[in-house]
């Protein structure tokens, strides 16, 4: 006898609830609405987002970038808190755009989760929207993917994509850097979003040995370890755009993965060297905490983390003092941390001194 098939397995039984996911689009529209700029020509929910170049640009060049939050997401999942990493996701992209001199215009997100728990994705999207507001760009669209079996329960992947614009004649690529230029460091907000495989290794070992936990206020941090490591990445877009209106910025470097050695040399022209004095700024206490608990050398700290400086500007010597005053007036903590010198044959492009 032939068995009668009465129905096909429901998609919901396989772990994807289409009605639940489609209904969530209305919430996303509301979250994104107050980030929109005048250049946005479409709303959330279409197949793609539309925007136009701002009319104030006569020869616009579009600059695009993408990045994620990395293994910081593992700690976010342990804390069941994804709003701050939403800010991180935006920051990692827009800070890379501004180093080219580009004003961020639009941002798109990609969220992936094993089981769509609306509260978690809403947290992440609210953080992304907050990051967009801080950067002055529009949350133009994105994708939320439910992928059963790919991600562990309570975990969420967050990736971002951004587009900015700059006048062709004002692109910053480091070619204007000259011997005698000064380096100005903008303070970070802590770890930002890099080095978290090492951070997690130190934390896991410390918790397992009973040295500390995530929730207790630690005197050396003046806060909980959870709060210290989850502090979101600073977004430097608005202060840098302010400077670009009145000063000639020769170079910019976003201190992300690879720390100082991995990022500063990327903008230094051949034949020149950046000499940085690491004693010229104060490090947030989380860096000393990790160095002590992990027995990490100072050179390794500078190679992995931002160590308190999230963005470095290369400026003319005669403008350095005024730029620092301007930044301090915008509530940025800015320090003159070094200068550009001639590089000898076989010398490195970056020298770090105490």
C-alpha atoms as a PDB file:
ATOM      1  CA  UNK A   1       0.000   0.000   0.000  1.00  0.00           C
ATOM      2  CA  UNK A   2       1.300   3.461  -0.873  1.00  0.00           C
ATOM      3  CA  UNK A   3       1.579   5.859   2.073  1.00  0.00           C
ATOM      4  CA  UNK A   4      -0.186   9.147   1.469  1.00  0.00           C
ATOM      5  CA  UNK A   5       1.901  12.257   2.078  1.00  0.00           C
ATOM      6  CA  UNK A   6      -0.417  14.764   3.687  1.00  0.00           C
ATOM      7  CA  UNK A   7       1.941  17.704   4.024  1.00  0.00           C
ATOM      8  CA  UNK A   8       5.554  18.799   3.550  1.00  0.00           C
ATOM      9  CA  UNK A   9       7.647  19.644   6.622  1.00  0.00           C
ATOM     10  CA  UNK A  10       7.064  23.255   7.665  1.00  0.00           C
ATOM     11  CA  UNK A  11       9.983  25.688   7.412  1.00  0.00           C
ATOM     12  CA  UNK A  12       9.218  26.629  11.012  1.00  0.00           C
ATOM     13  CA  UNK A  13       9.883  23.031  12.089  1.00  0.00           C
ATOM     14  CA  UNK A  14      13.334  23.338  10.508  1.00  0.00           C
ATOM     15  CA  UNK A  15      14.108  26.354  12.673  1.00  0.00           C
ATOM     16  CA  UNK A  16      13.065  29.312  10.499  1.00  0.00           C
ATOM     17  CA  UNK A  17       9.856  31.192  11.331  1.00  0.00           C
ATOM     18  CA  UNK A  18       9.078  33.302   8.260  1.00  0.00           C
ATOM     19  CA  UNK A  19       6.153  35.158   9.834  1.00  0.00           C
ATOM     20  CA  UNK A  20       8.279  36.054  12.860  1.00  0.00           C
ATOM     21  CA  UNK A  21      11.158  37.245  10.680  1.00  0.00           C
ATOM     22  CA  UNK A  22       9.020  39.243   8.235  1.00  0.00           C
ATOM     23  CA  UNK A  23       7.171  40.972  11.072  1.00  0.00           C
ATOM     24  CA  UNK A  24      10.536  42.069  12.476  1.00  0.00           C
ATOM     25  CA  UNK A  25      11.116  44.286   9.407  1.00  0.00           C
ATOM     26  CA  UNK A  26       8.675  46.858  10.800  1.00  0.00           C
ATOM     27  CA  UNK A  27      10.751  47.157  13.967  1.00  0.00           C
ATOM     28  CA  UNK A  28      13.916  47.528  11.897  1.00  0.00           C
ATOM     29  CA  UNK A  29      12.337  50.377   9.924  1.00  0.00           C
ATOM     30  CA  UNK A  30      11.573  52.216  13.144  1.00  0.00           C
ATOM     31  CA  UNK A  31      15.092  51.707  14.497  1.00  0.00           C
ATOM     32  CA  UNK A  32      16.717  52.957  11.274  1.00  0.00           C
ATOM     33  CA  UNK A  33      14.370  55.853  10.565  1.00  0.00           C
ATOM     34  CA  UNK A  34      16.098  58.480  12.727  1.00  0.00           C
ATOM     35  CA  UNK A  35      19.503  57.795  11.161  1.00  0.00           C
ATOM     36  CA  UNK A  36      18.440  58.822   7.647  1.00  0.00           C
ATOM     37  CA  UNK A  37      20.163  61.626   5.784  1.00  0.00           C
ATOM     38  CA  UNK A  38      18.737  63.814   3.003  1.00  0.00           C
ATOM     39  CA  UNK A  39      20.622  61.731   0.417  1.00  0.00           C
ATOM     40  CA  UNK A  40      18.645  58.542   1.187  1.00  0.00           C
ATOM     41  CA  UNK A  41      16.133  57.806  -1.581  1.00  0.00           C
ATOM     42  CA  UNK A  42      14.636  54.543  -0.307  1.00  0.00           C
ATOM     43  CA  UNK A  43      13.266  52.993   2.862  1.00  0.00           C
ATOM     44  CA  UNK A  44      14.101  49.797   4.722  1.00  0.00           C
ATOM     45  CA  UNK A  45      12.494  46.690   3.242  1.00  0.00           C
ATOM     46  CA  UNK A  46      13.400  46.912  -0.448  1.00  0.00           C
ATOM     47  CA  UNK A  47      15.808  44.651  -2.259  1.00  0.00           C
ATOM     48  CA  UNK A  48      18.537  47.306  -2.128  1.00  0.00           C
ATOM     49  CA  UNK A  49      19.062  50.798  -0.727  1.00  0.00           C
ATOM     50  CA  UNK A  50      19.230  53.945  -2.820  1.00  0.00           C
ATOM     51  CA  UNK A  51      21.122  57.153  -2.075  1.00  0.00           C
ATOM     52  CA  UNK A  52      22.648  60.037  -3.999  1.00  0.00           C
ATOM     53  CA  UNK A  53      25.915  61.910  -3.656  1.00  0.00           C
ATOM     54  CA  UNK A  54      25.659  65.027  -1.465  1.00  0.00           C
ATOM     55  CA  UNK A  55      25.321  68.123  -3.633  1.00  0.00           C
ATOM     56  CA  UNK A  56      28.137  69.952  -1.801  1.00  0.00           C
ATOM     57  CA  UNK A  57      30.739  67.705  -3.482  1.00  0.00           C
ATOM     58  CA  UNK A  58      31.887  68.873  -6.929  1.00  0.00           C
ATOM     59  CA  UNK A  59      34.146  65.878  -7.759  1.00  0.00           C
ATOM     60  CA  UNK A  60      33.019  63.138  -5.375  1.00  0.00           C
ATOM     61  CA  UNK A  61      34.927  59.901  -4.903  1.00  0.00           C
ATOM     62  CA  UNK A  62      33.110  57.112  -3.081  1.00  0.00           C
ATOM     63  CA  UNK A  63      35.046  55.149  -0.465  1.00  0.00           C
ATOM     64  CA  UNK A  64      33.778  51.746   0.704  1.00  0.00           C
ATOM     65  CA  UNK A  65      34.759  49.498   3.582  1.00  0.00           C
ATOM     66  CA  UNK A  66      33.631  46.480   5.561  1.00  0.00           C
ATOM     67  CA  UNK A  67      34.504  44.958   8.913  1.00  0.00           C
ATOM     68  CA  UNK A  68      33.135  42.919  11.777  1.00  0.00           C
ATOM     69  CA  UNK A  69      33.423  42.754  15.538  1.00  0.00           C
ATOM     70  CA  UNK A  70      35.449  39.541  15.768  1.00  0.00           C
ATOM     71  CA  UNK A  71      35.634  37.345  18.839  1.00  0.00           C
ATOM     72  CA  UNK A  72      34.434  40.154  21.103  1.00  0.00           C
ATOM     73  CA  UNK A  73      31.064  38.689  20.098  1.00  0.00           C
ATOM     74  CA  UNK A  74      31.806  35.632  22.260  1.00  0.00           C
ATOM     75  CA  UNK A  75      31.930  37.817  25.368  1.00  0.00           C
ATOM     76  CA  UNK A  76      28.801  39.673  24.221  1.00  0.00           C
ATOM     77  CA  UNK A  77      27.003  36.334  23.934  1.00  0.00           C
ATOM     78  CA  UNK A  78      28.146  35.303  27.415  1.00  0.00           C
ATOM     79  CA  UNK A  79      26.725  38.572  28.755  1.00  0.00           C
ATOM     80  CA  UNK A  80      23.602  38.345  26.523  1.00  0.00           C
ATOM     81  CA  UNK A  81      24.244  41.951  25.530  1.00  0.00           C
ATOM     82  CA  UNK A  82      24.730  43.032  21.922  1.00  0.00           C
ATOM     83  CA  UNK A  83      24.006  46.772  21.889  1.00  0.00           C
ATOM     84  CA  UNK A  84      27.600  47.900  22.486  1.00  0.00           C
ATOM     85  CA  UNK A  85      28.991  45.555  19.824  1.00  0.00           C
ATOM     86  CA  UNK A  86      26.490  47.086  17.411  1.00  0.00           C
ATOM     87  CA  UNK A  87      28.297  50.388  17.982  1.00  0.00           C
ATOM     88  CA  UNK A  88      31.610  48.564  17.551  1.00  0.00           C
ATOM     89  CA  UNK A  89      30.545  47.265  14.161  1.00  0.00           C
ATOM     90  CA  UNK A  90      29.806  50.752  12.852  1.00  0.00           C
ATOM     91  CA  UNK A  91      32.938  52.215  14.412  1.00  0.00           C
ATOM     92  CA  UNK A  92      35.282  49.698  12.815  1.00  0.00           C
ATOM     93  CA  UNK A  93      33.956  50.626   9.370  1.00  0.00           C
ATOM     94  CA  UNK A  94      33.471  54.397   9.603  1.00  0.00           C
ATOM     95  CA  UNK A  95      36.827  54.966  11.322  1.00  0.00           C
ATOM     96  CA  UNK A  96      38.444  53.259   8.331  1.00  0.00           C
ATOM     97  CA  UNK A  97      36.521  55.553   5.963  1.00  0.00           C
ATOM     98  CA  UNK A  98      37.509  58.763   7.737  1.00  0.00           C
ATOM     99  CA  UNK A  99      41.232  57.981   7.486  1.00  0.00           C
ATOM    100  CA  UNK A 100      40.862  58.538   3.726  1.00  0.00           C
ATOM    101  CA  UNK A 101      39.181  61.862   4.468  1.00  0.00           C
ATOM    102  CA  UNK A 102      35.781  60.411   3.549  1.00  0.00           C
ATOM    103  CA  UNK A 103      32.541  61.498   5.196  1.00  0.00           C
ATOM    104  CA  UNK A 104      30.497  58.334   5.925  1.00  0.00           C
ATOM    105  CA  UNK A 105      27.155  58.441   4.120  1.00  0.00           C
ATOM    106  CA  UNK A 106      25.458  55.071   4.502  1.00  0.00           C
ATOM    107  CA  UNK A 107      25.866  51.853   6.461  1.00  0.00           C
ATOM    108  CA  UNK A 108      24.470  48.361   5.938  1.00  0.00           C
ATOM    109  CA  UNK A 109      24.519  45.509   8.418  1.00  0.00           C
ATOM    110  CA  UNK A 110      24.524  41.731   8.229  1.00  0.00           C
ATOM    111  CA  UNK A 111      23.257  39.837  11.272  1.00  0.00           C
ATOM    112  CA  UNK A 112      23.201  36.033  11.455  1.00  0.00           C
ATOM    113  CA  UNK A 113      21.770  33.954  14.293  1.00  0.00           C
ATOM    114  CA  UNK A 114      20.945  30.290  14.845  1.00  0.00           C
ATOM    115  CA  UNK A 115      17.481  30.892  16.254  1.00  0.00           C
ATOM    116  CA  UNK A 116      15.978  34.303  15.718  1.00  0.00           C
ATOM    117  CA  UNK A 117      15.603  35.726  19.204  1.00  0.00           C
ATOM    118  CA  UNK A 118      14.130  39.129  18.548  1.00  0.00           C
ATOM    119  CA  UNK A 119      15.467  40.739  21.718  1.00  0.00           C
ATOM    120  CA  UNK A 120      19.074  39.948  20.762  1.00  0.00           C
ATOM    121  CA  UNK A 121      18.816  41.175  17.178  1.00  0.00           C
ATOM    122  CA  UNK A 122      16.919  44.263  18.321  1.00  0.00           C
ATOM    123  CA  UNK A 123      19.740  45.047  20.774  1.00  0.00           C
ATOM    124  CA  UNK A 124      22.315  44.709  18.007  1.00  0.00           C
ATOM    125  CA  UNK A 125      20.350  46.856  15.569  1.00  0.00           C
ATOM    126  CA  UNK A 126      19.744  49.521  18.209  1.00  0.00           C
ATOM    127  CA  UNK A 127      23.502  49.635  18.803  1.00  0.00           C
ATOM    128  CA  UNK A 128      24.157  49.857  15.071  1.00  0.00           C
ATOM    129  CA  UNK A 129      21.677  52.730  14.786  1.00  0.00           C
ATOM    130  CA  UNK A 130      23.378  54.514  17.678  1.00  0.00           C
ATOM    131  CA  UNK A 131      26.739  54.060  15.975  1.00  0.00           C
ATOM    132  CA  UNK A 132      25.304  55.520  12.769  1.00  0.00           C
ATOM    133  CA  UNK A 133      23.997  58.544  14.676  1.00  0.00           C
ATOM    134  CA  UNK A 134      27.435  59.092  16.223  1.00  0.00           C
ATOM    135  CA  UNK A 135      29.029  58.873  12.770  1.00  0.00           C
ATOM    136  CA  UNK A 136      26.370  60.962  11.028  1.00  0.00           C
ATOM    137  CA  UNK A 137      25.587  58.254   8.452  1.00  0.00           C
ATOM    138  CA  UNK A 138      22.320  56.569   7.503  1.00  0.00           C
ATOM    139  CA  UNK A 139      21.459  52.974   8.311  1.00  0.00           C
ATOM    140  CA  UNK A 140      20.346  52.272   4.741  1.00  0.00           C
ATOM    141  CA  UNK A 141      19.513  48.587   4.999  1.00  0.00           C
ATOM    142  CA  UNK A 142      20.829  45.172   5.857  1.00  0.00           C
ATOM    143  CA  UNK A 143      20.103  41.498   6.292  1.00  0.00           C
ATOM    144  CA  UNK A 144      19.058  39.386   9.258  1.00  0.00           C
ATOM    145  CA  UNK A 145      19.659  35.711   8.527  1.00  0.00           C
ATOM    146  CA  UNK A 146      18.311  32.849  10.617  1.00  0.00           C
ATOM    147  CA  UNK A 147      20.695  29.909  10.177  1.00  0.00           C
ATOM    148  CA  UNK A 148      19.796  26.916  12.382  1.00  0.00           C
ATOM    149  CA  UNK A 149      22.735  24.702  13.223  1.00  0.00           C
ATOM    150  CA  UNK A 150      25.368  27.231  12.159  1.00  0.00           C
ATOM    151  CA  UNK A 151      25.503  29.405  15.280  1.00  0.00           C
ATOM    152  CA  UNK A 152      25.291  28.283  18.898  1.00  0.00           C
ATOM    153  CA  UNK A 153      22.286  29.270  20.981  1.00  0.00           C
ATOM    154  CA  UNK A 154      22.508  32.915  22.033  1.00  0.00           C
ATOM    155  CA  UNK A 155      25.338  33.778  19.620  1.00  0.00           C
ATOM    156  CA  UNK A 156      25.072  36.397  16.910  1.00  0.00           C
ATOM    157  CA  UNK A 157      27.334  37.349  13.988  1.00  0.00           C
ATOM    158  CA  UNK A 158      27.558  41.055  13.134  1.00  0.00           C
ATOM    159  CA  UNK A 159      29.224  42.467  10.028  1.00  0.00           C
ATOM    160  CA  UNK A 160      28.991  45.977   8.613  1.00  0.00           C
ATOM    161  CA  UNK A 161      29.492  47.689   5.266  1.00  0.00           C
ATOM    162  CA  UNK A 162      29.860  51.422   4.758  1.00  0.00           C
ATOM    163  CA  UNK A 163      30.202  53.962   1.956  1.00  0.00           C
ATOM    164  CA  UNK A 164      31.634  57.456   2.337  1.00  0.00           C
ATOM    165  CA  UNK A 165      32.500  60.319   0.013  1.00  0.00           C
ATOM    166  CA  UNK A 166      35.444  62.674  -0.355  1.00  0.00           C
ATOM    167  CA  UNK A 167      36.450  65.344  -2.860  1.00  0.00           C
ATOM    168  CA  UNK A 168      39.026  63.843  -5.202  1.00  0.00           C
ATOM    169  CA  UNK A 169      41.471  66.670  -4.422  1.00  0.00           C
ATOM    170  CA  UNK A 170      41.132  66.066  -0.671  1.00  0.00           C
ATOM    171  CA  UNK A 171      41.757  62.313  -0.482  1.00  0.00           C
ATOM    172  CA  UNK A 172      44.140  61.527   2.392  1.00  0.00           C
ATOM    173  CA  UNK A 173      46.632  58.833   1.427  1.00  0.00           C
ATOM    174  CA  UNK A 174      49.798  59.782   3.323  1.00  0.00           C
ATOM    175  CA  UNK A 175      51.624  61.259   0.323  1.00  0.00           C
ATOM    176  CA  UNK A 176      51.536  64.724   1.941  1.00  0.00           C
ATOM    177  CA  UNK A 177      53.510  63.540   5.009  1.00  0.00           C
ATOM    178  CA  UNK A 178      56.831  65.366   5.387  1.00  0.00           C
ATOM    179  CA  UNK A 179      59.849  65.189   7.691  1.00  0.00           C
ATOM    180  CA  UNK A 180      59.155  67.223  10.826  1.00  0.00           C
ATOM    181  CA  UNK A 181      55.407  66.535  10.864  1.00  0.00           C
ATOM    182  CA  UNK A 182      53.922  65.800  14.275  1.00  0.00           C
ATOM    183  CA  UNK A 183      51.852  62.801  15.313  1.00  0.00           C
ATOM    184  CA  UNK A 184      48.745  63.447  17.383  1.00  0.00           C
ATOM    185  CA  UNK A 185      47.024  60.570  19.154  1.00  0.00           C
ATOM    186  CA  UNK A 186      43.322  60.520  19.970  1.00  0.00           C
ATOM    187  CA  UNK A 187      42.461  58.570  23.106  1.00  0.00           C
ATOM    188  CA  UNK A 188      40.696  55.243  22.771  1.00  0.00           C
ATOM    189  CA  UNK A 189      37.786  54.020  24.852  1.00  0.00           C
ATOM    190  CA  UNK A 190      39.665  50.923  25.958  1.00  0.00           C
ATOM    191  CA  UNK A 191      40.175  47.744  23.973  1.00  0.00           C
ATOM    192  CA  UNK A 192      37.805  48.717  21.150  1.00  0.00           C
ATOM    193  CA  UNK A 193      37.353  45.558  19.006  1.00  0.00           C
ATOM    194  CA  UNK A 194      40.783  44.021  18.522  1.00  0.00           C
ATOM    195  CA  UNK A 195      42.885  41.417  20.274  1.00  0.00           C
ATOM    196  CA  UNK A 196      39.929  39.614  21.821  1.00  0.00           C
ATOM    197  CA  UNK A 197      41.248  36.118  21.203  1.00  0.00           C
ATOM    198  CA  UNK A 198      44.057  37.031  23.601  1.00  0.00           C
ATOM    199  CA  UNK A 199      41.663  38.890  25.923  1.00  0.00           C
ATOM    200  CA  UNK A 200      39.410  35.852  26.175  1.00  0.00           C
ATOM    201  CA  UNK A 201      42.386  33.566  26.781  1.00  0.00           C
ATOM    202  CA  UNK A 202      43.508  35.697  29.742  1.00  0.00           C
ATOM    203  CA  UNK A 203      39.986  36.090  31.119  1.00  0.00           C
ATOM    204  CA  UNK A 204      39.102  32.391  30.821  1.00  0.00           C
ATOM    205  CA  UNK A 205      42.306  31.421  32.601  1.00  0.00           C
ATOM    206  CA  UNK A 206      41.756  33.995  35.369  1.00  0.00           C
ATOM    207  CA  UNK A 207      38.146  32.967  35.969  1.00  0.00           C
ATOM    208  CA  UNK A 208      39.051  29.263  35.994  1.00  0.00           C
ATOM    209  CA  UNK A 209      41.742  29.888  38.635  1.00  0.00           C
ATOM    210  CA  UNK A 210      39.407  32.033  40.757  1.00  0.00           C
ATOM    211  CA  UNK A 211      41.440  35.250  40.380  1.00  0.00           C
ATOM    212  CA  UNK A 212      38.420  37.312  39.296  1.00  0.00           C
ATOM    213  CA  UNK A 213      35.011  37.149  37.652  1.00  0.00           C
ATOM    214  CA  UNK A 214      33.162  39.275  35.122  1.00  0.00           C
ATOM    215  CA  UNK A 215      30.585  40.853  37.453  1.00  0.00           C
ATOM    216  CA  UNK A 216      32.544  42.004  40.509  1.00  0.00           C
ATOM    217  CA  UNK A 217      33.842  45.591  40.560  1.00  0.00           C
ATOM    218  CA  UNK A 218      37.644  45.353  40.454  1.00  0.00           C
ATOM    219  CA  UNK A 219      39.515  48.165  42.281  1.00  0.00           C
ATOM    220  CA  UNK A 220      42.227  48.348  39.602  1.00  0.00           C
ATOM    221  CA  UNK A 221      39.569  48.935  36.930  1.00  0.00           C
ATOM    222  CA  UNK A 222      37.104  50.950  39.021  1.00  0.00           C
ATOM    223  CA  UNK A 223      34.358  48.946  37.279  1.00  0.00           C
ATOM    224  CA  UNK A 224      33.487  45.354  36.445  1.00  0.00           C
ATOM    225  CA  UNK A 225      35.631  43.394  34.026  1.00  0.00           C
ATOM    226  CA  UNK A 226      32.559  42.956  31.816  1.00  0.00           C
ATOM    227  CA  UNK A 227      32.068  46.718  31.554  1.00  0.00           C
ATOM    228  CA  UNK A 228      35.759  47.343  30.886  1.00  0.00           C
ATOM    229  CA  UNK A 229      36.104  44.841  28.048  1.00  0.00           C
ATOM    230  CA  UNK A 230      32.726  45.634  26.470  1.00  0.00           C
ATOM    231  CA  UNK A 231      33.236  49.414  26.241  1.00  0.00           C
ATOM    232  CA  UNK A 232      32.390  50.252  22.611  1.00  0.00           C
ATOM    233  CA  UNK A 233      34.882  51.531  20.070  1.00  0.00           C
ATOM    234  CA  UNK A 234      35.145  55.304  19.859  1.00  0.00           C
ATOM    235  CA  UNK A 235      33.879  56.837  16.641  1.00  0.00           C
ATOM    236  CA  UNK A 236      36.233  59.604  15.477  1.00  0.00           C
ATOM    237  CA  UNK A 237      34.287  60.793  12.429  1.00  0.00           C
ATOM    238  CA  UNK A 238      32.842  64.081  13.690  1.00  0.00           C
ATOM    239  CA  UNK A 239      36.005  65.482  15.326  1.00  0.00           C
ATOM    240  CA  UNK A 240      38.123  64.565  12.290  1.00  0.00           C
ATOM    241  CA  UNK A 241      35.609  66.100   9.861  1.00  0.00           C
ATOM    242  CA  UNK A 242      35.695  69.238  12.003  1.00  0.00           C
ATOM    243  CA  UNK A 243      39.488  69.388  11.661  1.00  0.00           C
ATOM    244  CA  UNK A 244      39.406  68.759   7.913  1.00  0.00           C
ATOM    245  CA  UNK A 245      37.383  71.945   7.406  1.00  0.00           C
ATOM    246  CA  UNK A 246      40.178  74.141   8.770  1.00  0.00           C
ATOM    247  CA  UNK A 247      43.445  72.180   8.767  1.00  0.00           C
ATOM    248  CA  UNK A 248      45.546  70.233   6.301  1.00  0.00           C
ATOM    249  CA  UNK A 249      45.748  66.704   7.731  1.00  0.00           C
ATOM    250  CA  UNK A 250      48.657  64.894   6.066  1.00  0.00           C
ATOM    251  CA  UNK A 251      47.847  61.367   7.211  1.00  0.00           C
ATOM    252  CA  UNK A 252      45.536  59.322   9.426  1.00  0.00           C
ATOM    253  CA  UNK A 253      45.841  55.849  10.894  1.00  0.00           C
ATOM    254  CA  UNK A 254      43.109  53.876  12.652  1.00  0.00           C
ATOM    255  CA  UNK A 255      44.781  51.716  15.333  1.00  0.00           C
ATOM    256  CA  UNK A 256      43.004  48.395  14.953  1.00  0.00           C
ATOM    257  CA  UNK A 257      44.244  44.818  14.521  1.00  0.00           C
ATOM    258  CA  UNK A 258      48.030  44.743  14.570  1.00  0.00           C
ATOM    259  CA  UNK A 259      48.288  47.673  16.968  1.00  0.00           C
ATOM    260  CA  UNK A 260      50.886  50.351  16.238  1.00  0.00           C
ATOM    261  CA  UNK A 261      53.309  48.262  14.117  1.00  0.00           C
ATOM    262  CA  UNK A 262      50.461  46.947  11.986  1.00  0.00           C
ATOM    263  CA  UNK A 263      48.840  50.287  11.211  1.00  0.00           C
ATOM    264  CA  UNK A 264      51.166  53.301  11.453  1.00  0.00           C
ATOM    265  CA  UNK A 265      53.587  52.134   8.695  1.00  0.00           C
ATOM    266  CA  UNK A 266      50.667  51.788   6.269  1.00  0.00           C
ATOM    267  CA  UNK A 267      50.534  55.586   5.849  1.00  0.00           C
ATOM    268  CA  UNK A 268      54.230  56.504   6.143  1.00  0.00           C
ATOM    269  CA  UNK A 269      55.873  57.321   2.765  1.00  0.00           C
ATOM    270  CA  UNK A 270      59.094  55.607   1.716  1.00  0.00           C
ATOM    271  CA  UNK A 271      62.179  57.213   3.179  1.00  0.00           C
ATOM    272  CA  UNK A 272      60.447  58.463   6.324  1.00  0.00           C
ATOM    273  CA  UNK A 273      59.986  57.054   9.814  1.00  0.00           C
ATOM    274  CA  UNK A 274      57.382  57.663  12.525  1.00  0.00           C
ATOM    275  CA  UNK A 275      59.000  57.932  15.960  1.00  0.00           C
ATOM    276  CA  UNK A 276      56.476  57.566  18.789  1.00  0.00           C
ATOM    277  CA  UNK A 277      57.020  58.087  22.521  1.00  0.00           C
ATOM    278  CA  UNK A 278      54.695  55.690  24.324  1.00  0.00           C
ATOM    279  CA  UNK A 279      55.033  57.596  27.634  1.00  0.00           C
ATOM    280  CA  UNK A 280      53.200  60.639  26.261  1.00  0.00           C
ATOM    281  CA  UNK A 281      49.675  59.382  26.987  1.00  0.00           C
ATOM    282  CA  UNK A 282      47.774  57.602  29.741  1.00  0.00           C
ATOM    283  CA  UNK A 283      46.582  54.064  29.130  1.00  0.00           C
ATOM    284  CA  UNK A 284      43.127  52.986  30.319  1.00  0.00           C
ATOM    285  CA  UNK A 285      43.582  50.554  33.253  1.00  0.00           C
ATOM    286  CA  UNK A 286      42.273  47.563  31.297  1.00  0.00           C
ATOM    287  CA  UNK A 287      45.596  47.400  29.419  1.00  0.00           C
ATOM    288  CA  UNK A 288      47.713  47.199  32.578  1.00  0.00           C
ATOM    289  CA  UNK A 289      45.280  44.632  33.957  1.00  0.00           C
ATOM    290  CA  UNK A 290      45.661  42.378  30.913  1.00  0.00           C
ATOM    291  CA  UNK A 291      49.430  42.849  30.732  1.00  0.00           C
ATOM    292  CA  UNK A 292      49.770  41.793  34.373  1.00  0.00           C
ATOM    293  CA  UNK A 293      47.312  38.897  34.337  1.00  0.00           C
ATOM    294  CA  UNK A 294      48.602  37.593  31.025  1.00  0.00           C
ATOM    295  CA  UNK A 295      52.290  38.353  31.657  1.00  0.00           C
ATOM    296  CA  UNK A 296      52.448  40.196  28.323  1.00  0.00           C
ATOM    297  CA  UNK A 297      55.460  42.289  27.330  1.00  0.00           C
ATOM    298  CA  UNK A 298      55.025  45.946  26.415  1.00  0.00           C
ATOM    299  CA  UNK A 299      56.125  45.292  22.839  1.00  0.00           C
ATOM    300  CA  UNK A 300      53.486  42.573  22.484  1.00  0.00           C
ATOM    301  CA  UNK A 301      50.818  44.852  23.980  1.00  0.00           C
ATOM    302  CA  UNK A 302      51.635  47.520  21.393  1.00  0.00           C
ATOM    303  CA  UNK A 303      51.550  44.915  18.621  1.00  0.00           C
ATOM    304  CA  UNK A 304      48.118  43.554  19.592  1.00  0.00           C
ATOM    305  CA  UNK A 305      46.166  46.417  21.181  1.00  0.00           C
ATOM    306  CA  UNK A 306      45.653  50.151  20.691  1.00  0.00           C
ATOM    307  CA  UNK A 307      47.005  50.699  24.245  1.00  0.00           C
ATOM    308  CA  UNK A 308      44.974  53.882  24.700  1.00  0.00           C
ATOM    309  CA  UNK A 309      45.307  55.538  21.272  1.00  0.00           C
ATOM    310  CA  UNK A 310      42.563  54.769  18.760  1.00  0.00           C
ATOM    311  CA  UNK A 311      43.451  57.183  15.967  1.00  0.00           C
ATOM    312  CA  UNK A 312      46.709  58.883  14.948  1.00  0.00           C
ATOM    313  CA  UNK A 313      46.867  62.095  12.928  1.00  0.00           C
ATOM    314  CA  UNK A 314      49.949  63.295  11.054  1.00  0.00           C
ATOM    315  CA  UNK A 315      49.935  67.098  10.848  1.00  0.00           C
ATOM    316  CA  UNK A 316      52.258  69.986  10.076  1.00  0.00           C
ATOM    317  CA  UNK A 317      54.478  70.996  12.990  1.00  0.00           C
ATOM    318  CA  UNK A 318      53.164  74.571  13.076  1.00  0.00           C
ATOM    319  CA  UNK A 319      49.531  73.383  13.325  1.00  0.00           C
ATOM    320  CA  UNK A 320      49.938  70.664  15.946  1.00  0.00           C
ATOM    321  CA  UNK A 321      49.290  72.808  19.024  1.00  0.00           C
ATOM    322  CA  UNK A 322      46.185  74.448  17.565  1.00  0.00           C
ATOM    323  CA  UNK A 323      44.793  71.091  16.459  1.00  0.00           C
ATOM    324  CA  UNK A 324      45.240  69.654  19.947  1.00  0.00           C
ATOM    325  CA  UNK A 325      43.457  72.673  21.439  1.00  0.00           C
ATOM    326  CA  UNK A 326      40.607  72.228  18.962  1.00  0.00           C
ATOM    327  CA  UNK A 327      40.291  68.523  19.786  1.00  0.00           C
ATOM    328  CA  UNK A 328      40.343  69.156  23.528  1.00  0.00           C
ATOM    329  CA  UNK A 329      37.618  71.730  23.001  1.00  0.00           C
ATOM    330  CA  UNK A 330      35.503  68.976  21.411  1.00  0.00           C
ATOM    331  CA  UNK A 331      35.995  66.830  24.541  1.00  0.00           C
ATOM    332  CA  UNK A 332      38.552  64.621  22.795  1.00  0.00           C
ATOM    333  CA  UNK A 333      41.686  63.672  24.724  1.00  0.00           C
ATOM    334  CA  UNK A 334      44.505  64.435  22.307  1.00  0.00           C
ATOM    335  CA  UNK A 335      48.258  64.086  22.788  1.00  0.00           C
ATOM    336  CA  UNK A 336      51.330  64.910  20.738  1.00  0.00           C
ATOM    337  CA  UNK A 337      52.907  61.463  20.675  1.00  0.00           C
ATOM    338  CA  UNK A 338      55.741  61.688  18.163  1.00  0.00           C
ATOM    339  CA  UNK A 339      57.118  63.065  14.919  1.00  0.00           C
ATOM    340  CA  UNK A 340      58.182  62.132  11.409  1.00  0.00           C
ATOM    341  CA  UNK A 341      61.905  61.734  10.815  1.00  0.00           C
ATOM    342  CA  UNK A 342      64.125  60.661   7.949  1.00  0.00           C
ATOM    343  CA  UNK A 343      64.602  56.901   7.770  1.00  0.00           C
ATOM    344  CA  UNK A 344      68.065  55.486   7.337  1.00  0.00           C
ATOM    345  CA  UNK A 345      68.841  52.545   5.080  1.00  0.00           C
ATOM    346  CA  UNK A 346      67.548  49.366   6.695  1.00  0.00           C
ATOM    347  CA  UNK A 347      65.725  51.265   9.466  1.00  0.00           C
ATOM    348  CA  UNK A 348      62.055  50.491  10.246  1.00  0.00           C
ATOM    349  CA  UNK A 349      59.147  52.776   9.329  1.00  0.00           C
ATOM    350  CA  UNK A 350      58.090  52.911  12.984  1.00  0.00           C
ATOM    351  CA  UNK A 351      60.151  53.360  16.131  1.00  0.00           C
ATOM    352  CA  UNK A 352      58.449  53.016  19.524  1.00  0.00           C
ATOM    353  CA  UNK A 353      60.269  54.552  22.492  1.00  0.00           C
ATOM    354  CA  UNK A 354      59.320  54.805  26.186  1.00  0.00           C
END
